[in-house]
Amino acid sequence: MTETTATVDAAPEKQNRTLRQLVSYTLIGGSGVALDFVVFLLLHNLTGMDEQLANALSTTLGIANNFALNALFTFERRDRIVLRFLRFYAVGLTGIVLTNLLFLVFTDGLGIDANLVKAGSLPLVLALQFVLNRKWSFA
C-alpha cells in the first residue's frame, strides 16, 4: 500500500470515528442536559433563585456528569485527568457565559420566559462545546 492509498483509506475511518464520537457525545450530553435542565427548573422555579445563578449551578452539575462519561466512553482518555477536567470545565464555562448572555438579551431585554431561553440555548451550546472539547479538552 502506498502512502497516498493509506491516507485515502484513513479518511473514511477518521470520519466514522468523528461521527461515532459526535453521537456518543450527544447521547452523553443528553444525560447532562437533562440533569442541568431539571436542576435549573428546581432552583429557578421552586426556590426562586435568579436564573443566572441557577444556570451556573445546574450547568456545573451537568459538566461534571458529562466529563466523567465522555472521558470513559466518547474520547476514551484517562490520562492527565485533572488537566482534562479543567479544560472541559473551561469549555463548560463558555456554555454558561453564552446562556447567560442569551438570558440578558431574551429574558431581561425582551421578556421571554427564562425556561424557554434555557431550553433554546441547549443545542447551540452542545455544538460549540463538542468542537471545543474534541479539539482541546480531549485532544
Protein backbone atom coordinates (compact mmCIF):
# COMPACT_ATOMS: atom_id res chain seq x y z
CA MET A 1 0.00 0.00 0.00
CA THR A 2 1.37 3.39 -0.92
CA GLU A 3 1.34 6.41 1.37
CA THR A 4 -1.35 8.04 -0.78
CA THR A 5 -3.56 4.94 -0.59
CA ALA A 6 -3.10 4.75 3.18
CA THR A 7 -4.10 8.41 3.51
CA VAL A 8 -7.19 7.92 1.36
CA ASP A 9 -8.14 4.74 3.29
CA ALA A 10 -7.70 6.57 6.62
CA ALA A 11 -10.04 9.43 5.68
CA PRO A 12 -13.31 7.45 5.90
CA GLU A 13 -12.19 5.82 9.17
CA LYS A 14 -11.45 9.25 10.64
CA GLN A 15 -14.89 10.48 9.54
CA ASN A 16 -16.55 7.37 11.04
CA ARG A 17 -14.68 7.89 14.32
CA THR A 18 -15.72 11.54 14.42
CA LEU A 19 -19.33 10.58 13.74
CA ARG A 20 -19.25 7.92 16.48
CA GLN A 21 -17.78 10.46 18.89
CA LEU A 22 -20.43 13.03 17.98
CA VAL A 23 -23.23 10.51 18.54
CA SER A 24 -21.75 9.37 21.87
CA TYR A 25 -21.10 12.98 22.93
CA THR A 26 -24.69 13.87 22.06
CA LEU A 27 -26.16 10.92 23.96
CA ILE A 28 -24.00 11.59 27.00
CA GLY A 29 -24.74 15.26 26.60
CA GLY A 30 -28.41 14.35 26.78
CA SER A 31 -27.92 13.00 30.29
CA GLY A 32 -26.06 16.15 31.28
CA VAL A 33 -28.70 18.35 29.64
CA ALA A 34 -31.47 16.50 31.50
CA LEU A 35 -29.62 16.89 34.79
CA ASP A 36 -28.83 20.55 34.03
CA PHE A 37 -32.40 21.40 32.99
CA VAL A 38 -34.12 19.61 35.90
CA VAL A 39 -31.81 21.23 38.46
CA PHE A 40 -32.27 24.62 36.75
CA LEU A 41 -36.07 24.25 36.89
CA LEU A 42 -35.93 23.27 40.57
CA LEU A 43 -33.57 26.07 41.55
CA HIS A 44 -35.22 28.80 39.48
CA ASN A 45 -38.89 27.83 39.72
CA LEU A 46 -39.14 26.20 43.15
CA THR A 47 -36.64 28.23 45.16
CA GLY A 48 -36.92 31.46 43.17
CA MET A 49 -33.18 31.60 42.57
CA ASP A 50 -32.01 34.12 39.96
CA GLU A 51 -31.83 32.44 36.54
CA GLN A 52 -28.16 33.25 36.03
CA LEU A 53 -27.07 31.74 39.36
CA ALA A 54 -29.38 28.76 38.87
CA ASN A 55 -27.86 28.31 35.39
CA ALA A 56 -24.28 28.39 36.73
CA LEU A 57 -25.04 25.77 39.39
CA SER A 58 -27.12 23.46 37.20
CA THR A 59 -24.64 23.65 34.34
CA THR A 60 -21.76 22.82 36.69
CA LEU A 61 -23.52 19.59 37.67
CA GLY A 62 -24.10 18.75 34.01
CA ILE A 63 -20.44 19.46 33.19
CA ALA A 64 -19.17 17.11 35.91
CA ASN A 65 -21.55 14.38 34.73
CA ASN A 66 -20.55 14.79 31.11
CA PHE A 67 -16.83 14.93 31.79
CA ALA A 68 -16.81 11.61 33.60
CA LEU A 69 -18.88 9.86 30.94
CA ASN A 70 -17.07 11.41 27.96
CA ALA A 71 -13.66 10.58 29.41
CA LEU A 72 -14.72 6.96 29.75
CA PHE A 73 -16.82 6.37 26.63
CA THR A 74 -16.59 9.08 23.96
CA PHE A 75 -12.95 10.09 23.83
CA GLU A 76 -11.58 7.16 25.87
CA ARG A 77 -8.93 9.31 27.51
CA ARG A 78 -7.99 8.72 31.13
CA ASP A 79 -4.57 10.34 31.19
CA ARG A 80 -3.95 13.83 32.61
CA ILE A 81 -7.41 13.68 34.17
CA VAL A 82 -7.12 16.88 36.25
CA LEU A 83 -5.86 18.92 33.29
CA ARG A 84 -8.55 17.49 31.04
CA PHE A 85 -11.25 18.27 33.63
CA LEU A 86 -10.02 21.86 33.95
CA ARG A 87 -10.13 22.23 30.17
CA PHE A 88 -13.55 20.58 29.98
CA TYR A 89 -14.84 22.89 32.71
CA ALA A 90 -13.38 25.91 30.91
CA VAL A 91 -15.30 24.84 27.81
CA GLY A 92 -18.35 24.40 30.02
CA LEU A 93 -17.91 27.97 31.20
CA THR A 94 -18.33 29.09 27.59
CA GLY A 95 -21.77 27.47 27.72
CA ILE A 96 -22.61 29.24 30.98
CA VAL A 97 -21.50 32.59 29.57
CA LEU A 98 -23.33 32.07 26.28
CA THR A 99 -26.55 31.07 28.05
CA ASN A 100 -26.28 33.98 30.48
CA LEU A 101 -25.85 36.37 27.55
CA LEU A 102 -28.97 34.88 26.00
CA PHE A 103 -30.80 35.46 29.31
CA LEU A 104 -29.71 39.09 29.26
CA VAL A 105 -30.95 39.61 25.71
CA PHE A 106 -34.08 37.48 25.63
CA THR A 107 -35.27 37.29 29.25
CA ASP A 108 -34.17 40.61 30.67
CA GLY A 109 -34.34 42.55 27.39
CA LEU A 110 -37.33 41.05 25.61
CA GLY A 111 -39.25 39.48 28.49
CA ILE A 112 -39.11 35.90 27.15
CA ASP A 113 -39.54 33.23 29.83
CA ALA A 114 -36.17 32.08 31.22
CA ASN A 115 -37.22 28.41 30.92
CA LEU A 116 -37.70 28.82 27.15
CA VAL A 117 -34.40 30.65 26.77
CA LYS A 118 -32.59 27.91 28.71
CA ALA A 119 -34.19 25.19 26.56
CA GLY A 120 -33.43 27.07 23.35
CA SER A 121 -29.79 27.60 24.28
CA LEU A 122 -29.04 23.90 24.70
CA PRO A 123 -28.48 22.85 21.03
CA LEU A 124 -26.26 25.86 20.36
CA VAL A 125 -24.19 25.20 23.47
CA LEU A 126 -23.92 21.48 22.65
CA ALA A 127 -22.50 22.14 19.18
CA LEU A 128 -19.99 24.73 20.39
CA GLN A 129 -18.81 22.56 23.26
CA PHE A 130 -18.40 19.41 21.15
CA VAL A 131 -15.98 21.19 18.84
CA LEU A 132 -14.03 22.78 21.68
CA ASN A 133 -13.86 19.59 23.76
CA ARG A 134 -12.82 17.43 20.82
CA LYS A 135 -10.09 19.85 19.72
CA TRP A 136 -8.83 20.93 23.14
CA SER A 137 -10.04 19.05 26.22
CA PHE A 138 -9.58 15.54 24.81
CA ALA A 139 -7.02 16.24 22.07
